[in-house]
Amino acid sequence: MQRNQVGWNQANALPSRPCFLGSVLQPLLYTVRTYQDLPGLFCFCQLCWQLVCYNAKRNTVSTCLELWDVWTQGLCSLRYLLIDDEKKIAACVDPAEAHLVLAKAKEENVEIVAVLTTHHHYDHAGGNAEMAKQVPGIKIFGGRIDKVAACTDPLDHGNKFTIGSIEVLALHTPGHTKGSICYFCCVPGKEKEGLVFTGDTLFVAGCGRMFESTPEEFHHSLVTVLGALPPETQVYCGHEYTVKNLQFATAVDGGNETLRQMIDWAQEQKVQRKFTVPSTMKNEWLINPFLRSGDDQMRSICPGCSPVEVFATLRKKKDSF
């Protein structure tokens, strides 16, 4: 495997239960939730925890992952705590299950001061109202035009704010929803060591379904907005759909040797109940067909078409894959 494919090769793959600044987390009980108001889209959502911890004094970031449920039908919803370890404060990303988020924060001995909502769908924003009720004064961020539940701080593209020593940049990325926001987080001056929470906009080797926007908007969000982030940026998405995404990517980009290597790795990760998240933007440019819609290798998908038309064709094919 090539060493420049950071984010997934065996040298960089995260273990099933990595260290949290020196302390090992204990396994947790699982929960399964059925989302009744989105029938057919989220029949079963497994809850997985991924803690992202900044050590401001060291200017370093570490991650911890815990699997809350067995892998069923390949559907795994990821929940995140973004922690400033020095100040012991945190932001939770898409806390659809407020009581679980609050319990995890208590276990980690951190105070939740903000909610970062990527989009308004219930499996991402469904816990916002309860978070507001349980944590007086909490800031709930979301896209200004996305109608996010209990939003106190609506965001436009380019808005910045801080969580302790962590700087957060809001990126408006219409596609999955019209007001979707991705959050680029870094220690100031350390942008190349940053990370981005992408919700259902960008997945590992894929992207979300297009519900409220146009192909032009979605393509721009992926290629121009997220594509402008440093190649080293770690990508934390909303669901663990990697194996299925790679199967599709291999079907439409069969000559891509990187894909063939990565799908073997991802399938082994799944067997061993390990994660494929995070990816990196560098890795996504290598393996994600939606980002690569302007590449010559993808022209056969829609001969004579523009990159946006190739993207639209890919998205339509993926919808029925």
C-alpha atoms as a PDB file:
ATOM      1  CA  MET A   1       0.000   0.000   0.000  1.00  0.00           C
ATOM      2  CA  GLN A   2       1.171   3.485  -0.792  1.00  0.00           C
ATOM      3  CA  ARG A   3       2.228   5.533   2.215  1.00  0.00           C
ATOM      4  CA  ASN A   4       0.780   8.766   0.844  1.00  0.00           C
ATOM      5  CA  GLN A   5      -2.758   7.434   1.150  1.00  0.00           C
ATOM      6  CA  VAL A   6      -3.130   8.691   4.685  1.00  0.00           C
ATOM      7  CA  GLY A   7      -6.381   8.076   6.503  1.00  0.00           C
ATOM      8  CA  TRP A   8      -6.823   4.440   5.650  1.00  0.00           C
ATOM      9  CA  ASN A   9      -3.604   2.481   5.110  1.00  0.00           C
ATOM     10  CA  GLN A  10      -2.611  -0.045   7.708  1.00  0.00           C
ATOM     11  CA  ALA A  11       0.154   2.180   9.082  1.00  0.00           C
ATOM     12  CA  ASN A  12      -2.375   4.893   9.909  1.00  0.00           C
ATOM     13  CA  ALA A  13      -5.528   2.870  10.577  1.00  0.00           C
ATOM     14  CA  LEU A  14      -7.001   3.518  14.001  1.00  0.00           C
ATOM     15  CA  PRO A  15      -7.264   0.560  16.390  1.00  0.00           C
ATOM     16  CA  SER A  16     -10.655  -0.538  17.635  1.00  0.00           C
ATOM     17  CA  ARG A  17     -10.237   1.242  20.976  1.00  0.00           C
ATOM     18  CA  PRO A  18      -7.434   3.802  20.788  1.00  0.00           C
ATOM     19  CA  CYS A  19      -6.071   5.778  23.684  1.00  0.00           C
ATOM     20  CA  PHE A  20      -7.760   8.909  25.002  1.00  0.00           C
ATOM     21  CA  LEU A  21      -4.766  11.004  26.060  1.00  0.00           C
ATOM     22  CA  GLY A  22      -3.376   8.045  27.923  1.00  0.00           C
ATOM     23  CA  SER A  23      -6.552   6.587  29.423  1.00  0.00           C
ATOM     24  CA  VAL A  24      -8.500   3.675  28.011  1.00  0.00           C
ATOM     25  CA  LEU A  25     -12.241   4.102  27.687  1.00  0.00           C
ATOM     26  CA  GLN A  26     -14.538   1.385  28.941  1.00  0.00           C
ATOM     27  CA  PRO A  27     -16.962  -0.386  26.588  1.00  0.00           C
ATOM     28  CA  LEU A  28     -20.524   0.907  26.675  1.00  0.00           C
ATOM     29  CA  LEU A  29     -23.934  -0.653  26.261  1.00  0.00           C
ATOM     30  CA  TYR A  30     -25.540  -0.274  22.882  1.00  0.00           C
ATOM     31  CA  THR A  31     -28.784   1.278  21.780  1.00  0.00           C
ATOM     32  CA  VAL A  32     -30.822   0.945  18.615  1.00  0.00           C
ATOM     33  CA  ARG A  33     -33.207   3.656  17.549  1.00  0.00           C
ATOM     34  CA  THR A  34     -35.868   3.659  14.857  1.00  0.00           C
ATOM     35  CA  TYR A  35     -36.545   7.030  13.241  1.00  0.00           C
ATOM     36  CA  GLN A  36     -40.267   6.927  12.567  1.00  0.00           C
ATOM     37  CA  ASP A  37     -40.527  10.274  10.780  1.00  0.00           C
ATOM     38  CA  LEU A  38     -38.061   9.289   8.055  1.00  0.00           C
ATOM     39  CA  PRO A  39     -39.391   5.873   7.006  1.00  0.00           C
ATOM     40  CA  GLY A  40     -37.216   4.002   4.587  1.00  0.00           C
ATOM     41  CA  LEU A  41     -34.235   6.265   5.091  1.00  0.00           C
ATOM     42  CA  PHE A  42     -33.180   5.489   8.627  1.00  0.00           C
ATOM     43  CA  CYS A  43     -34.779   2.187   9.562  1.00  0.00           C
ATOM     44  CA  PHE A  44     -31.978   1.240  11.907  1.00  0.00           C
ATOM     45  CA  CYS A  45     -29.329   3.599  13.178  1.00  0.00           C
ATOM     46  CA  GLN A  46     -26.500   2.179  15.222  1.00  0.00           C
ATOM     47  CA  LEU A  47     -24.867   4.654  17.576  1.00  0.00           C
ATOM     48  CA  CYS A  48     -21.104   4.948  17.572  1.00  0.00           C
ATOM     49  CA  TRP A  49     -19.028   7.357  19.598  1.00  0.00           C
ATOM     50  CA  GLN A  50     -15.977   9.148  18.369  1.00  0.00           C
ATOM     51  CA  LEU A  51     -14.342  11.647  20.686  1.00  0.00           C
ATOM     52  CA  VAL A  52     -12.110  14.287  19.150  1.00  0.00           C
ATOM     53  CA  CYS A  53      -9.865  15.868  21.732  1.00  0.00           C
ATOM     54  CA  TYR A  54      -7.638  18.908  21.296  1.00  0.00           C
ATOM     55  CA  ASN A  55      -4.790  19.464  23.701  1.00  0.00           C
ATOM     56  CA  ALA A  56      -4.305  23.218  23.380  1.00  0.00           C
ATOM     57  CA  LYS A  57      -1.032  23.189  25.310  1.00  0.00           C
ATOM     58  CA  ARG A  58       0.491  20.659  22.921  1.00  0.00           C
ATOM     59  CA  ASN A  59      -1.406  21.824  19.818  1.00  0.00           C
ATOM     60  CA  THR A  60      -2.258  18.196  19.149  1.00  0.00           C
ATOM     61  CA  VAL A  61      -5.417  16.272  18.415  1.00  0.00           C
ATOM     62  CA  SER A  62      -6.236  12.736  19.449  1.00  0.00           C
ATOM     63  CA  THR A  63      -9.270  10.586  18.779  1.00  0.00           C
ATOM     64  CA  CYS A  64     -11.104   7.863  20.620  1.00  0.00           C
ATOM     65  CA  LEU A  65     -13.678   5.534  19.172  1.00  0.00           C
ATOM     66  CA  GLU A  66     -16.200   3.282  20.828  1.00  0.00           C
ATOM     67  CA  LEU A  67     -18.633   0.997  19.083  1.00  0.00           C
ATOM     68  CA  TRP A  68     -22.050   1.108  20.716  1.00  0.00           C
ATOM     69  CA  ASP A  69     -23.758  -1.523  18.659  1.00  0.00           C
ATOM     70  CA  VAL A  70     -23.272  -4.509  16.458  1.00  0.00           C
ATOM     71  CA  TRP A  71     -22.886  -3.773  12.770  1.00  0.00           C
ATOM     72  CA  THR A  72     -26.285  -4.422  11.202  1.00  0.00           C
ATOM     73  CA  GLN A  73     -27.073  -3.699   7.563  1.00  0.00           C
ATOM     74  CA  GLY A  74     -23.987  -1.493   7.413  1.00  0.00           C
ATOM     75  CA  LEU A  75     -25.764   1.448   9.040  1.00  0.00           C
ATOM     76  CA  CYS A  76     -23.778   3.225  11.719  1.00  0.00           C
ATOM     77  CA  SER A  77     -24.543   6.750  12.908  1.00  0.00           C
ATOM     78  CA  LEU A  78     -21.536   8.561  14.331  1.00  0.00           C
ATOM     79  CA  ARG A  79     -21.801  10.956  17.287  1.00  0.00           C
ATOM     80  CA  TYR A  80     -18.949  13.256  18.204  1.00  0.00           C
ATOM     81  CA  LEU A  81     -17.679  15.266  21.143  1.00  0.00           C
ATOM     82  CA  LEU A  82     -15.144  17.933  20.205  1.00  0.00           C
ATOM     83  CA  ILE A  83     -13.175  18.522  23.410  1.00  0.00           C
ATOM     84  CA  ASP A  84     -10.748  21.199  24.497  1.00  0.00           C
ATOM     85  CA  ASP A  85      -8.922  18.958  26.935  1.00  0.00           C
ATOM     86  CA  GLU A  86      -7.132  21.796  28.720  1.00  0.00           C
ATOM     87  CA  LYS A  87     -10.291  23.783  29.491  1.00  0.00           C
ATOM     88  CA  LYS A  88     -12.501  20.691  29.871  1.00  0.00           C
ATOM     89  CA  ILE A  89     -15.249  22.045  27.636  1.00  0.00           C
ATOM     90  CA  ALA A  90     -16.795  20.442  24.591  1.00  0.00           C
ATOM     91  CA  ALA A  91     -19.115  20.825  21.654  1.00  0.00           C
ATOM     92  CA  CYS A  92     -21.286  17.908  20.609  1.00  0.00           C
ATOM     93  CA  VAL A  93     -21.837  17.278  16.905  1.00  0.00           C
ATOM     94  CA  ASP A  94     -25.305  16.174  15.808  1.00  0.00           C
ATOM     95  CA  PRO A  95     -26.489  14.904  19.229  1.00  0.00           C
ATOM     96  CA  ALA A  96     -29.703  13.171  18.186  1.00  0.00           C
ATOM     97  CA  GLU A  97     -29.821  11.328  21.523  1.00  0.00           C
ATOM     98  CA  ALA A  98     -29.346  14.033  24.159  1.00  0.00           C
ATOM     99  CA  HIS A  99     -29.271  11.753  27.188  1.00  0.00           C
ATOM    100  CA  LEU A 100     -26.448   9.688  25.742  1.00  0.00           C
ATOM    101  CA  VAL A 101     -24.460  12.800  24.853  1.00  0.00           C
ATOM    102  CA  LEU A 102     -24.844  14.222  28.351  1.00  0.00           C
ATOM    103  CA  ALA A 103     -23.894  10.910  29.938  1.00  0.00           C
ATOM    104  CA  LYS A 104     -20.761  10.672  27.806  1.00  0.00           C
ATOM    105  CA  ALA A 105     -19.766  14.262  28.674  1.00  0.00           C
ATOM    106  CA  LYS A 106     -20.186  13.487  32.373  1.00  0.00           C
ATOM    107  CA  GLU A 107     -18.064  10.370  31.993  1.00  0.00           C
ATOM    108  CA  GLU A 108     -15.333  12.423  30.329  1.00  0.00           C
ATOM    109  CA  ASN A 109     -15.647  15.157  32.971  1.00  0.00           C
ATOM    110  CA  VAL A 110     -16.262  17.903  30.395  1.00  0.00           C
ATOM    111  CA  GLU A 111     -18.884  20.643  30.159  1.00  0.00           C
ATOM    112  CA  ILE A 112     -20.857  20.822  26.929  1.00  0.00           C
ATOM    113  CA  VAL A 113     -21.097  24.455  25.828  1.00  0.00           C
ATOM    114  CA  ALA A 114     -22.314  24.102  22.247  1.00  0.00           C
ATOM    115  CA  VAL A 115     -24.071  21.927  19.700  1.00  0.00           C
ATOM    116  CA  LEU A 116     -22.772  21.838  16.132  1.00  0.00           C
ATOM    117  CA  THR A 117     -25.648  20.784  13.878  1.00  0.00           C
ATOM    118  CA  THR A 118     -24.741  19.823  10.341  1.00  0.00           C
ATOM    119  CA  HIS A 119     -28.339  19.733   9.071  1.00  0.00           C
ATOM    120  CA  HIS A 120     -31.940  19.566  10.204  1.00  0.00           C
ATOM    121  CA  HIS A 121     -32.737  15.861   9.712  1.00  0.00           C
ATOM    122  CA  TYR A 122     -33.972  14.214  12.883  1.00  0.00           C
ATOM    123  CA  ASP A 123     -31.157  11.677  13.120  1.00  0.00           C
ATOM    124  CA  HIS A 124     -28.784  14.631  13.459  1.00  0.00           C
ATOM    125  CA  ALA A 125     -30.797  17.422  15.108  1.00  0.00           C
ATOM    126  CA  GLY A 126     -33.387  15.369  16.980  1.00  0.00           C
ATOM    127  CA  GLY A 127     -31.761  15.941  20.373  1.00  0.00           C
ATOM    128  CA  ASN A 128     -31.289  19.702  20.097  1.00  0.00           C
ATOM    129  CA  ALA A 129     -34.419  20.709  22.006  1.00  0.00           C
ATOM    130  CA  GLU A 130     -33.580  18.385  24.878  1.00  0.00           C
ATOM    131  CA  MET A 131     -29.998  19.661  24.952  1.00  0.00           C
ATOM    132  CA  ALA A 132     -31.330  23.204  25.270  1.00  0.00           C
ATOM    133  CA  LYS A 133     -33.607  22.096  28.093  1.00  0.00           C
ATOM    134  CA  GLN A 134     -30.926  20.200  29.997  1.00  0.00           C
ATOM    135  CA  VAL A 135     -28.067  22.688  29.507  1.00  0.00           C
ATOM    136  CA  PRO A 136     -29.242  26.278  30.149  1.00  0.00           C
ATOM    137  CA  GLY A 137     -27.411  28.802  28.023  1.00  0.00           C
ATOM    138  CA  ILE A 138     -26.006  26.273  25.578  1.00  0.00           C
ATOM    139  CA  LYS A 139     -25.303  27.591  22.084  1.00  0.00           C
ATOM    140  CA  ILE A 140     -26.909  25.574  19.305  1.00  0.00           C
ATOM    141  CA  PHE A 141     -25.370  26.298  15.924  1.00  0.00           C
ATOM    142  CA  GLY A 142     -26.902  25.457  12.561  1.00  0.00           C
ATOM    143  CA  GLY A 143     -27.359  26.768   9.053  1.00  0.00           C
ATOM    144  CA  ARG A 144     -29.390  29.970   8.848  1.00  0.00           C
ATOM    145  CA  ILE A 145     -31.670  28.618   6.118  1.00  0.00           C
ATOM    146  CA  ASP A 146     -31.790  25.029   7.372  1.00  0.00           C
ATOM    147  CA  LYS A 147     -34.539  25.368  10.016  1.00  0.00           C
ATOM    148  CA  VAL A 148     -32.464  23.528  12.607  1.00  0.00           C
ATOM    149  CA  ALA A 149     -34.387  22.586  15.755  1.00  0.00           C
ATOM    150  CA  ALA A 150     -33.756  24.862  18.757  1.00  0.00           C
ATOM    151  CA  CYS A 151     -31.086  26.838  16.904  1.00  0.00           C
ATOM    152  CA  THR A 152     -29.791  29.821  18.907  1.00  0.00           C
ATOM    153  CA  ASP A 153     -26.902  30.846  16.646  1.00  0.00           C
ATOM    154  CA  PRO A 154     -27.714  30.655  12.928  1.00  0.00           C
ATOM    155  CA  LEU A 155     -24.677  30.496  10.680  1.00  0.00           C
ATOM    156  CA  ASP A 156     -23.738  31.792   7.263  1.00  0.00           C
ATOM    157  CA  HIS A 157     -20.796  30.680   5.154  1.00  0.00           C
ATOM    158  CA  GLY A 158     -17.518  31.899   6.593  1.00  0.00           C
ATOM    159  CA  ASN A 159     -18.741  32.607  10.122  1.00  0.00           C
ATOM    160  CA  LYS A 160     -16.182  31.797  12.817  1.00  0.00           C
ATOM    161  CA  PHE A 161     -16.458  31.066  16.526  1.00  0.00           C
ATOM    162  CA  THR A 162     -14.454  29.259  19.180  1.00  0.00           C
ATOM    163  CA  ILE A 163     -14.888  26.300  21.493  1.00  0.00           C
ATOM    164  CA  GLY A 164     -12.251  27.066  24.097  1.00  0.00           C
ATOM    165  CA  SER A 165      -9.000  27.214  22.160  1.00  0.00           C
ATOM    166  CA  ILE A 166     -10.488  25.564  19.081  1.00  0.00           C
ATOM    167  CA  GLU A 167     -11.453  27.796  16.163  1.00  0.00           C
ATOM    168  CA  VAL A 168     -14.483  26.666  14.175  1.00  0.00           C
ATOM    169  CA  LEU A 169     -15.225  27.828  10.628  1.00  0.00           C
ATOM    170  CA  ALA A 170     -18.730  27.346   9.218  1.00  0.00           C
ATOM    171  CA  LEU A 171     -18.865  26.155   5.615  1.00  0.00           C
ATOM    172  CA  HIS A 172     -22.218  26.365   3.834  1.00  0.00           C
ATOM    173  CA  THR A 173     -22.440  23.170   1.799  1.00  0.00           C
ATOM    174  CA  PRO A 174     -25.879  22.781   0.157  1.00  0.00           C
ATOM    175  CA  GLY A 175     -26.558  19.399  -1.356  1.00  0.00           C
ATOM    176  CA  HIS A 176     -28.029  16.921   1.100  1.00  0.00           C
ATOM    177  CA  THR A 177     -30.086  19.808   2.503  1.00  0.00           C
ATOM    178  CA  LYS A 178     -30.176  23.394   1.308  1.00  0.00           C
ATOM    179  CA  GLY A 179     -28.764  24.851   4.512  1.00  0.00           C
ATOM    180  CA  SER A 180     -26.225  22.160   5.414  1.00  0.00           C
ATOM    181  CA  ILE A 181     -23.166  23.349   7.329  1.00  0.00           C
ATOM    182  CA  CYS A 182     -19.802  21.617   7.616  1.00  0.00           C
ATOM    183  CA  TYR A 183     -17.511  22.626  10.488  1.00  0.00           C
ATOM    184  CA  PHE A 184     -13.767  23.032   9.940  1.00  0.00           C
ATOM    185  CA  CYS A 185     -11.975  22.983  13.300  1.00  0.00           C
ATOM    186  CA  CYS A 186      -8.374  23.731  14.115  1.00  0.00           C
ATOM    187  CA  VAL A 187      -6.028  25.320  16.583  1.00  0.00           C
ATOM    188  CA  PRO A 188      -5.271  28.806  15.137  1.00  0.00           C
ATOM    189  CA  GLY A 189      -2.100  28.658  13.085  1.00  0.00           C
ATOM    190  CA  LYS A 190      -2.374  24.874  12.761  1.00  0.00           C
ATOM    191  CA  GLU A 191      -4.810  24.729   9.834  1.00  0.00           C
ATOM    192  CA  LYS A 192      -2.956  21.830   8.227  1.00  0.00           C
ATOM    193  CA  GLU A 193      -3.709  19.779  11.344  1.00  0.00           C
ATOM    194  CA  GLY A 194      -7.421  20.584  11.259  1.00  0.00           C
ATOM    195  CA  LEU A 195     -10.479  18.426  10.849  1.00  0.00           C
ATOM    196  CA  VAL A 196     -13.926  18.829   9.357  1.00  0.00           C
ATOM    197  CA  PHE A 197     -17.303  17.477  10.444  1.00  0.00           C
ATOM    198  CA  THR A 198     -19.250  16.866   7.245  1.00  0.00           C
ATOM    199  CA  GLY A 199     -22.531  15.339   8.412  1.00  0.00           C
ATOM    200  CA  ASP A 200     -24.247  13.789   5.385  1.00  0.00           C
ATOM    201  CA  THR A 201     -22.534  16.024   2.824  1.00  0.00           C
ATOM    202  CA  LEU A 202     -19.291  14.079   2.381  1.00  0.00           C
ATOM    203  CA  PHE A 203     -18.818  10.442   3.383  1.00  0.00           C
ATOM    204  CA  VAL A 204     -15.746   8.275   3.055  1.00  0.00           C
ATOM    205  CA  ALA A 205     -15.746   7.467  -0.679  1.00  0.00           C
ATOM    206  CA  GLY A 206     -19.189   8.967  -1.152  1.00  0.00           C
ATOM    207  CA  CYS A 207     -21.676  11.755  -0.521  1.00  0.00           C
ATOM    208  CA  GLY A 208     -25.196  12.094   0.821  1.00  0.00           C
ATOM    209  CA  ARG A 209     -28.409  11.857  -1.142  1.00  0.00           C
ATOM    210  CA  MET A 210     -29.472  15.066  -2.845  1.00  0.00           C
ATOM    211  CA  PHE A 211     -32.784  16.146  -1.297  1.00  0.00           C
ATOM    212  CA  GLU A 212     -33.081  19.929  -1.387  1.00  0.00           C
ATOM    213  CA  SER A 213     -30.441  21.251  -3.768  1.00  0.00           C
ATOM    214  CA  THR A 214     -29.261  21.088  -7.362  1.00  0.00           C
ATOM    215  CA  PRO A 215     -26.378  19.082  -8.803  1.00  0.00           C
ATOM    216  CA  GLU A 216     -24.560  22.361  -9.422  1.00  0.00           C
ATOM    217  CA  GLU A 217     -24.841  23.319  -5.746  1.00  0.00           C
ATOM    218  CA  PHE A 218     -23.825  19.912  -4.438  1.00  0.00           C
ATOM    219  CA  HIS A 219     -20.879  19.633  -6.816  1.00  0.00           C
ATOM    220  CA  HIS A 220     -19.703  23.108  -5.763  1.00  0.00           C
ATOM    221  CA  SER A 221     -19.990  22.169  -2.083  1.00  0.00           C
ATOM    222  CA  LEU A 222     -17.825  19.094  -2.512  1.00  0.00           C
ATOM    223  CA  VAL A 223     -15.268  20.192  -5.076  1.00  0.00           C
ATOM    224  CA  THR A 224     -14.901  23.904  -4.437  1.00  0.00           C
ATOM    225  CA  VAL A 225     -15.778  24.386  -0.754  1.00  0.00           C
ATOM    226  CA  LEU A 226     -14.596  21.186   0.927  1.00  0.00           C
ATOM    227  CA  GLY A 227     -12.070  20.632  -1.845  1.00  0.00           C
ATOM    228  CA  ALA A 228     -10.289  23.842  -0.828  1.00  0.00           C
ATOM    229  CA  LEU A 229      -9.415  22.484   2.620  1.00  0.00           C
ATOM    230  CA  PRO A 230      -5.823  21.371   3.241  1.00  0.00           C
ATOM    231  CA  PRO A 231      -5.166  17.833   1.955  1.00  0.00           C
ATOM    232  CA  GLU A 232      -4.212  16.764   5.490  1.00  0.00           C
ATOM    233  CA  THR A 233      -7.653  17.701   6.869  1.00  0.00           C
ATOM    234  CA  GLN A 234      -9.228  14.778   8.733  1.00  0.00           C
ATOM    235  CA  VAL A 235     -12.785  14.063   7.600  1.00  0.00           C
ATOM    236  CA  TYR A 236     -15.368  13.037  10.218  1.00  0.00           C
ATOM    237  CA  CYS A 237     -18.662  12.177   8.554  1.00  0.00           C
ATOM    238  CA  GLY A 238     -22.130  11.398   9.896  1.00  0.00           C
ATOM    239  CA  HIS A 239     -22.378   7.684   9.080  1.00  0.00           C
ATOM    240  CA  GLU A 240     -20.164   4.664   8.547  1.00  0.00           C
ATOM    241  CA  TYR A 241     -21.198   3.769   4.985  1.00  0.00           C
ATOM    242  CA  THR A 242     -17.693   3.156   3.692  1.00  0.00           C
ATOM    243  CA  VAL A 243     -17.896  -0.416   2.415  1.00  0.00           C
ATOM    244  CA  LYS A 244     -21.062   0.218   0.421  1.00  0.00           C
ATOM    245  CA  ASN A 245     -19.620   3.456  -0.936  1.00  0.00           C
ATOM    246  CA  LEU A 246     -16.435   1.711  -2.001  1.00  0.00           C
ATOM    247  CA  GLN A 247     -18.401  -1.027  -3.731  1.00  0.00           C
ATOM    248  CA  PHE A 248     -20.145   1.628  -5.811  1.00  0.00           C
ATOM    249  CA  ALA A 249     -16.916   3.543  -6.433  1.00  0.00           C
ATOM    250  CA  THR A 250     -15.241   0.360  -7.674  1.00  0.00           C
ATOM    251  CA  ALA A 251     -18.177  -0.294 -10.001  1.00  0.00           C
ATOM    252  CA  VAL A 252     -17.861   3.119 -11.690  1.00  0.00           C
ATOM    253  CA  ASP A 253     -14.074   3.551 -11.450  1.00  0.00           C
ATOM    254  CA  GLY A 254     -12.810   0.030 -11.955  1.00  0.00           C
ATOM    255  CA  GLY A 255      -9.342   1.068 -13.056  1.00  0.00           C
ATOM    256  CA  ASN A 256      -8.575   2.797  -9.767  1.00  0.00           C
ATOM    257  CA  GLU A 257      -5.983   0.655  -7.991  1.00  0.00           C
ATOM    258  CA  THR A 258      -6.312   2.698  -4.798  1.00  0.00           C
ATOM    259  CA  LEU A 259      -9.975   1.719  -4.567  1.00  0.00           C
ATOM    260  CA  ARG A 260      -9.214  -1.981  -4.887  1.00  0.00           C
ATOM    261  CA  GLN A 261      -6.710  -1.729  -2.066  1.00  0.00           C
ATOM    262  CA  MET A 262      -8.965   0.297   0.168  1.00  0.00           C
ATOM    263  CA  ILE A 263     -12.061  -1.878  -0.189  1.00  0.00           C
ATOM    264  CA  ASP A 264     -10.116  -4.900   1.071  1.00  0.00           C
ATOM    265  CA  TRP A 265      -8.969  -2.846   4.058  1.00  0.00           C
ATOM    266  CA  ALA A 266     -12.455  -1.459   4.762  1.00  0.00           C
ATOM    267  CA  GLN A 267     -14.071  -4.895   4.642  1.00  0.00           C
ATOM    268  CA  GLU A 268     -11.507  -6.190   7.114  1.00  0.00           C
ATOM    269  CA  GLN A 269     -12.183  -3.216   9.389  1.00  0.00           C
ATOM    270  CA  LYS A 270     -15.873  -4.085   9.333  1.00  0.00           C
ATOM    271  CA  VAL A 271     -15.245  -7.734  10.135  1.00  0.00           C
ATOM    272  CA  GLN A 272     -13.118  -6.691  13.090  1.00  0.00           C
ATOM    273  CA  ARG A 273     -15.734  -4.088  14.168  1.00  0.00           C
ATOM    274  CA  LYS A 274     -13.333  -1.205  13.614  1.00  0.00           C
ATOM    275  CA  PHE A 275     -13.950   2.170  12.038  1.00  0.00           C
ATOM    276  CA  THR A 276     -12.895   3.574   8.669  1.00  0.00           C
ATOM    277  CA  VAL A 277     -13.379   7.149   9.927  1.00  0.00           C
ATOM    278  CA  PRO A 278     -11.597   9.508   9.814  1.00  0.00           C
ATOM    279  CA  SER A 279     -10.573   9.819   6.216  1.00  0.00           C
ATOM    280  CA  THR A 280      -8.578  12.760   4.877  1.00  0.00           C
ATOM    281  CA  MET A 281      -9.279  15.160   2.026  1.00  0.00           C
ATOM    282  CA  LYS A 282      -6.175  13.816   0.306  1.00  0.00           C
ATOM    283  CA  ASN A 283      -7.593  10.326   0.483  1.00  0.00           C
ATOM    284  CA  GLU A 284     -11.008  11.474  -0.778  1.00  0.00           C
ATOM    285  CA  TRP A 285      -9.430  13.036  -3.874  1.00  0.00           C
ATOM    286  CA  LEU A 286      -7.947   9.607  -4.588  1.00  0.00           C
ATOM    287  CA  ILE A 287     -11.013   7.418  -4.040  1.00  0.00           C
ATOM    288  CA  ASN A 288     -14.239   9.449  -4.002  1.00  0.00           C
ATOM    289  CA  PRO A 289     -15.991   9.336  -7.424  1.00  0.00           C
ATOM    290  CA  PHE A 290     -18.105  12.397  -6.621  1.00  0.00           C
ATOM    291  CA  LEU A 291     -15.043  14.537  -5.959  1.00  0.00           C
ATOM    292  CA  ARG A 292     -13.387  13.018  -9.016  1.00  0.00           C
ATOM    293  CA  SER A 293     -16.287  13.799 -11.365  1.00  0.00           C
ATOM    294  CA  GLY A 294     -14.064  16.160 -13.365  1.00  0.00           C
ATOM    295  CA  ASP A 295     -11.301  13.596 -13.878  1.00  0.00           C
ATOM    296  CA  ASP A 296     -10.743  12.054 -17.302  1.00  0.00           C
ATOM    297  CA  GLN A 297     -11.168   8.574 -15.799  1.00  0.00           C
ATOM    298  CA  MET A 298     -14.795   9.367 -14.977  1.00  0.00           C
ATOM    299  CA  ARG A 299     -15.776  10.596 -18.467  1.00  0.00           C
ATOM    300  CA  SER A 300     -17.090   7.160 -19.478  1.00  0.00           C
ATOM    301  CA  ILE A 301     -19.916   7.611 -16.955  1.00  0.00           C
ATOM    302  CA  CYS A 302     -21.391  10.343 -19.153  1.00  0.00           C
ATOM    303  CA  PRO A 303     -19.459  10.834 -22.425  1.00  0.00           C
ATOM    304  CA  GLY A 304     -19.255  14.450 -23.519  1.00  0.00           C
ATOM    305  CA  CYS A 305     -20.723  15.694 -20.234  1.00  0.00           C
ATOM    306  CA  SER A 306     -19.531  18.459 -17.937  1.00  0.00           C
ATOM    307  CA  PRO A 307     -18.189  17.585 -14.457  1.00  0.00           C
ATOM    308  CA  VAL A 308     -21.530  18.651 -12.956  1.00  0.00           C
ATOM    309  CA  GLU A 309     -23.404  16.371 -15.350  1.00  0.00           C
ATOM    310  CA  VAL A 310     -21.046  13.513 -14.506  1.00  0.00           C
ATOM    311  CA  PHE A 311     -21.692  14.199 -10.817  1.00  0.00           C
ATOM    312  CA  ALA A 312     -25.470  14.196 -11.363  1.00  0.00           C
ATOM    313  CA  THR A 313     -25.251  10.917 -13.261  1.00  0.00           C
ATOM    314  CA  LEU A 314     -23.157   9.352 -10.508  1.00  0.00           C
ATOM    315  CA  ARG A 315     -25.587  10.480  -7.828  1.00  0.00           C
ATOM    316  CA  LYS A 316     -28.540   9.029  -9.736  1.00  0.00           C
ATOM    317  CA  LYS A 317     -26.710   5.723 -10.194  1.00  0.00           C
ATOM    318  CA  LYS A 318     -25.790   5.614  -6.511  1.00  0.00           C
ATOM    319  CA  ASP A 319     -29.425   6.192  -5.491  1.00  0.00           C
ATOM    320  CA  SER A 320     -30.377   2.858  -7.028  1.00  0.00           C
ATOM    321  CA  PHE A 321     -27.151   0.953  -6.336  1.00  0.00           C
END
